[in-house]
């Protein structure tokens, strides 16, 4: 396998990281909504945790994107 093919395979694997990040964010917000509907009184106290978890998952997606771009063009 030559180096050019390895770059594209690595960038494709980085794309899987971005897909995983999108699934994680959807899972975080979906589970928060389910929990908030079950116990609306406790939902307000968990909003901070919701946004911290979503931000961490999005940061991993952005990191995967940057690494994929660096693999192709770097």
N, C-alpha and C. Protein backbone atom coordinates (compact mmCIF):
# COMPACT_ATOMS: atom_id res chain seq x y z
N UNK A 1 0.86 -1.17 0.00
CA UNK A 1 0.00 0.00 0.00
C UNK A 1 0.90 1.24 0.00
N UNK A 2 0.60 2.14 -0.88
CA UNK A 2 1.41 3.36 -0.93
C UNK A 2 0.90 4.40 0.08
N UNK A 3 1.67 5.45 0.25
CA UNK A 3 1.37 6.45 1.26
C UNK A 3 0.09 7.23 0.94
N UNK A 4 -0.18 7.43 -0.34
CA UNK A 4 -1.39 8.18 -0.73
C UNK A 4 -2.65 7.42 -0.32
N UNK A 5 -2.66 6.12 -0.53
CA UNK A 5 -3.82 5.32 -0.13
C UNK A 5 -3.98 5.30 1.38
N UNK A 6 -2.87 5.24 2.10
CA UNK A 6 -2.94 5.23 3.56
C UNK A 6 -3.51 6.54 4.10
N UNK A 7 -3.20 7.66 3.43
CA UNK A 7 -3.75 8.96 3.85
C UNK A 7 -5.26 8.96 3.73
N UNK A 8 -5.76 8.43 2.61
CA UNK A 8 -7.21 8.44 2.41
C UNK A 8 -7.92 7.46 3.33
N UNK A 9 -7.29 6.35 3.64
CA UNK A 9 -7.88 5.41 4.59
C UNK A 9 -7.93 6.06 5.98
N UNK A 10 -6.87 6.73 6.38
CA UNK A 10 -6.86 7.41 7.67
C UNK A 10 -7.90 8.52 7.75
N UNK A 11 -8.07 9.25 6.67
CA UNK A 11 -9.08 10.31 6.65
C UNK A 11 -10.48 9.71 6.71
N UNK A 12 -10.67 8.58 6.09
CA UNK A 12 -11.97 7.90 6.17
C UNK A 12 -12.26 7.42 7.58
N UNK A 13 -11.25 6.93 8.25
CA UNK A 13 -11.44 6.51 9.64
C UNK A 13 -11.72 7.70 10.55
N UNK A 14 -11.15 8.85 10.24
CA UNK A 14 -11.45 10.07 11.01
C UNK A 14 -12.91 10.46 10.80
N UNK A 15 -13.44 10.19 9.62
CA UNK A 15 -14.85 10.47 9.36
C UNK A 15 -15.74 9.62 10.26
N UNK A 16 -15.32 8.41 10.56
CA UNK A 16 -16.08 7.58 11.50
C UNK A 16 -16.13 8.23 12.88
N UNK A 17 -15.07 8.92 13.26
CA UNK A 17 -15.08 9.64 14.52
C UNK A 17 -16.09 10.77 14.52
N UNK A 18 -16.24 11.43 13.39
CA UNK A 18 -17.23 12.50 13.29
C UNK A 18 -18.64 11.93 13.35
N UNK A 19 -18.86 10.78 12.72
CA UNK A 19 -20.18 10.15 12.78
C UNK A 19 -20.49 9.70 14.21
N UNK A 20 -19.50 9.16 14.89
CA UNK A 20 -19.69 8.76 16.28
C UNK A 20 -20.01 9.94 17.17
N UNK A 21 -19.41 11.07 16.89
CA UNK A 21 -19.69 12.28 17.66
C UNK A 21 -21.13 12.72 17.46
N UNK A 22 -21.60 12.67 16.24
CA UNK A 22 -22.98 13.07 15.96
C UNK A 22 -23.96 12.13 16.66
N UNK A 23 -23.67 10.84 16.65
CA UNK A 23 -24.53 9.89 17.36
C UNK A 23 -24.51 10.12 18.86
N UNK A 24 -23.35 10.48 19.39
CA UNK A 24 -23.24 10.74 20.83
C UNK A 24 -24.05 11.96 21.24
N UNK A 25 -23.99 13.01 20.45
CA UNK A 25 -24.76 14.22 20.78
C UNK A 25 -26.26 13.92 20.72
N UNK A 26 -26.69 13.19 19.72
CA UNK A 26 -28.09 12.81 19.64
C UNK A 26 -28.52 11.95 20.82
N UNK A 27 -27.65 11.06 21.23
CA UNK A 27 -27.95 10.21 22.37
C UNK A 27 -28.03 11.03 23.66
N UNK A 28 -27.14 11.97 23.83
CA UNK A 28 -27.14 12.81 25.03
C UNK A 28 -28.44 13.60 25.13
N UNK A 29 -28.82 14.27 24.05
CA UNK A 29 -30.03 15.10 24.09
C UNK A 29 -31.29 14.25 24.17
N UNK A 30 -31.30 13.10 23.51
CA UNK A 30 -32.47 12.21 23.58
C UNK A 30 -32.69 11.68 24.97
N UNK A 31 -31.61 11.25 25.63
CA UNK A 31 -31.75 10.74 26.99
C UNK A 31 -32.09 11.85 27.98
N UNK A 32 -31.58 13.04 27.74
CA UNK A 32 -31.96 14.16 28.61
C UNK A 32 -33.45 14.45 28.47
N UNK A 33 -33.94 14.45 27.24
CA UNK A 33 -35.36 14.73 27.03
C UNK A 33 -36.23 13.66 27.68
N UNK A 34 -35.81 12.40 27.56
CA UNK A 34 -36.58 11.32 28.18
C UNK A 34 -36.59 11.48 29.70
N UNK A 35 -35.44 11.81 30.27
CA UNK A 35 -35.37 12.00 31.72
C UNK A 35 -36.14 13.23 32.18
N UNK A 36 -36.11 14.30 31.38
CA UNK A 36 -36.83 15.52 31.76
C UNK A 36 -38.33 15.30 31.70
N UNK A 37 -38.79 14.48 30.78
CA UNK A 37 -40.22 14.20 30.72
C UNK A 37 -40.67 13.31 31.88
N UNK A 38 -39.76 12.48 32.38
CA UNK A 38 -40.12 11.63 33.52
C UNK A 38 -40.09 12.40 34.84
N UNK A 39 -39.13 13.32 34.98
CA UNK A 39 -39.01 14.08 36.21
C UNK A 39 -38.70 15.55 35.87
N UNK A 40 -39.73 16.32 35.56
CA UNK A 40 -39.50 17.71 35.14
C UNK A 40 -38.87 18.58 36.24
N UNK A 41 -39.07 18.23 37.49
CA UNK A 41 -38.52 19.05 38.58
C UNK A 41 -37.00 18.97 38.62
N UNK A 42 -36.43 17.85 38.24
CA UNK A 42 -34.98 17.68 38.29
C UNK A 42 -34.29 18.10 37.00
N UNK A 43 -35.05 18.41 35.98
CA UNK A 43 -34.46 18.73 34.67
C UNK A 43 -33.64 20.01 34.70
N UNK A 44 -34.10 21.00 35.44
CA UNK A 44 -33.39 22.29 35.47
C UNK A 44 -32.01 22.15 36.09
N UNK A 45 -31.85 21.24 37.03
CA UNK A 45 -30.56 21.07 37.69
C UNK A 45 -29.56 20.32 36.80
N UNK A 46 -30.04 19.66 35.75
CA UNK A 46 -29.17 18.85 34.91
C UNK A 46 -28.81 19.51 33.59
N UNK A 47 -29.29 20.71 33.34
CA UNK A 47 -29.02 21.37 32.07
C UNK A 47 -27.53 21.66 31.90
N UNK A 48 -26.86 22.02 32.97
CA UNK A 48 -25.41 22.26 32.89
C UNK A 48 -24.66 21.01 32.49
N UNK A 49 -25.02 19.88 33.08
CA UNK A 49 -24.39 18.61 32.70
C UNK A 49 -24.69 18.26 31.25
N UNK A 50 -25.87 18.60 30.80
CA UNK A 50 -26.25 18.34 29.41
C UNK A 50 -25.33 19.07 28.45
N UNK A 51 -25.10 20.34 28.70
CA UNK A 51 -24.28 21.12 27.78
C UNK A 51 -22.80 20.77 27.88
N UNK A 52 -22.33 20.38 29.05
CA UNK A 52 -20.94 19.94 29.18
C UNK A 52 -20.73 18.65 28.40
N UNK A 53 -21.64 17.72 28.52
CA UNK A 53 -21.53 16.47 27.77
C UNK A 53 -21.61 16.68 26.28
N UNK A 54 -22.51 17.54 25.85
CA UNK A 54 -22.63 17.83 24.42
C UNK A 54 -21.39 18.53 23.90
N UNK A 55 -20.83 19.44 24.69
CA UNK A 55 -19.62 20.15 24.26
C UNK A 55 -18.44 19.19 24.14
N UNK A 56 -18.30 18.26 25.06
CA UNK A 56 -17.21 17.29 24.99
C UNK A 56 -17.36 16.38 23.77
N UNK A 57 -18.58 15.95 23.50
CA UNK A 57 -18.80 15.10 22.34
C UNK A 57 -18.54 15.86 21.04
N UNK A 58 -18.95 17.11 20.99
CA UNK A 58 -18.70 17.93 19.80
C UNK A 58 -17.21 18.21 19.63
N UNK A 59 -16.49 18.39 20.74
CA UNK A 59 -15.05 18.63 20.65
C UNK A 59 -14.34 17.43 20.04
N UNK A 60 -14.80 16.23 20.36
CA UNK A 60 -14.20 15.04 19.76
C UNK A 60 -14.49 14.99 18.26
N UNK A 61 -15.68 15.41 17.86
CA UNK A 61 -16.01 15.45 16.44
C UNK A 61 -15.16 16.46 15.69
N UNK A 62 -14.95 17.63 16.29
CA UNK A 62 -14.12 18.65 15.66
C UNK A 62 -12.68 18.18 15.59
N UNK A 63 -12.20 17.51 16.62
CA UNK A 63 -10.85 16.96 16.61
C UNK A 63 -10.69 15.92 15.51
N UNK A 64 -11.69 15.06 15.33
CA UNK A 64 -11.64 14.06 14.26
C UNK A 64 -11.61 14.74 12.90
N UNK A 65 -12.38 15.82 12.74
CA UNK A 65 -12.39 16.54 11.46
C UNK A 65 -11.03 17.16 11.18
N UNK A 66 -10.46 17.80 12.18
CA UNK A 66 -9.15 18.44 12.00
C UNK A 66 -8.08 17.40 11.67
N UNK A 67 -8.10 16.28 12.37
CA UNK A 67 -7.12 15.24 12.09
C UNK A 67 -7.30 14.67 10.68
N UNK A 68 -8.54 14.52 10.24
CA UNK A 68 -8.78 14.04 8.88
C UNK A 68 -8.26 15.01 7.83
N UNK A 69 -8.49 16.31 8.04
CA UNK A 69 -7.99 17.32 7.11
C UNK A 69 -6.48 17.35 7.11
N UNK A 70 -5.88 17.22 8.29
CA UNK A 70 -4.41 17.20 8.37
C UNK A 70 -3.83 15.97 7.69
N UNK A 71 -4.52 14.86 7.75
CA UNK A 71 -4.03 13.65 7.09
C UNK A 71 -4.05 13.80 5.57
N UNK A 72 -5.08 14.44 5.07
CA UNK A 72 -5.17 14.58 3.61
C UNK A 72 -4.22 15.65 3.09
N UNK A 73 -4.21 16.82 3.73
CA UNK A 73 -3.46 17.94 3.20
C UNK A 73 -2.10 18.15 3.87
N UNK A 74 -1.84 17.44 4.94
CA UNK A 74 -0.61 17.66 5.67
C UNK A 74 0.57 16.83 5.20
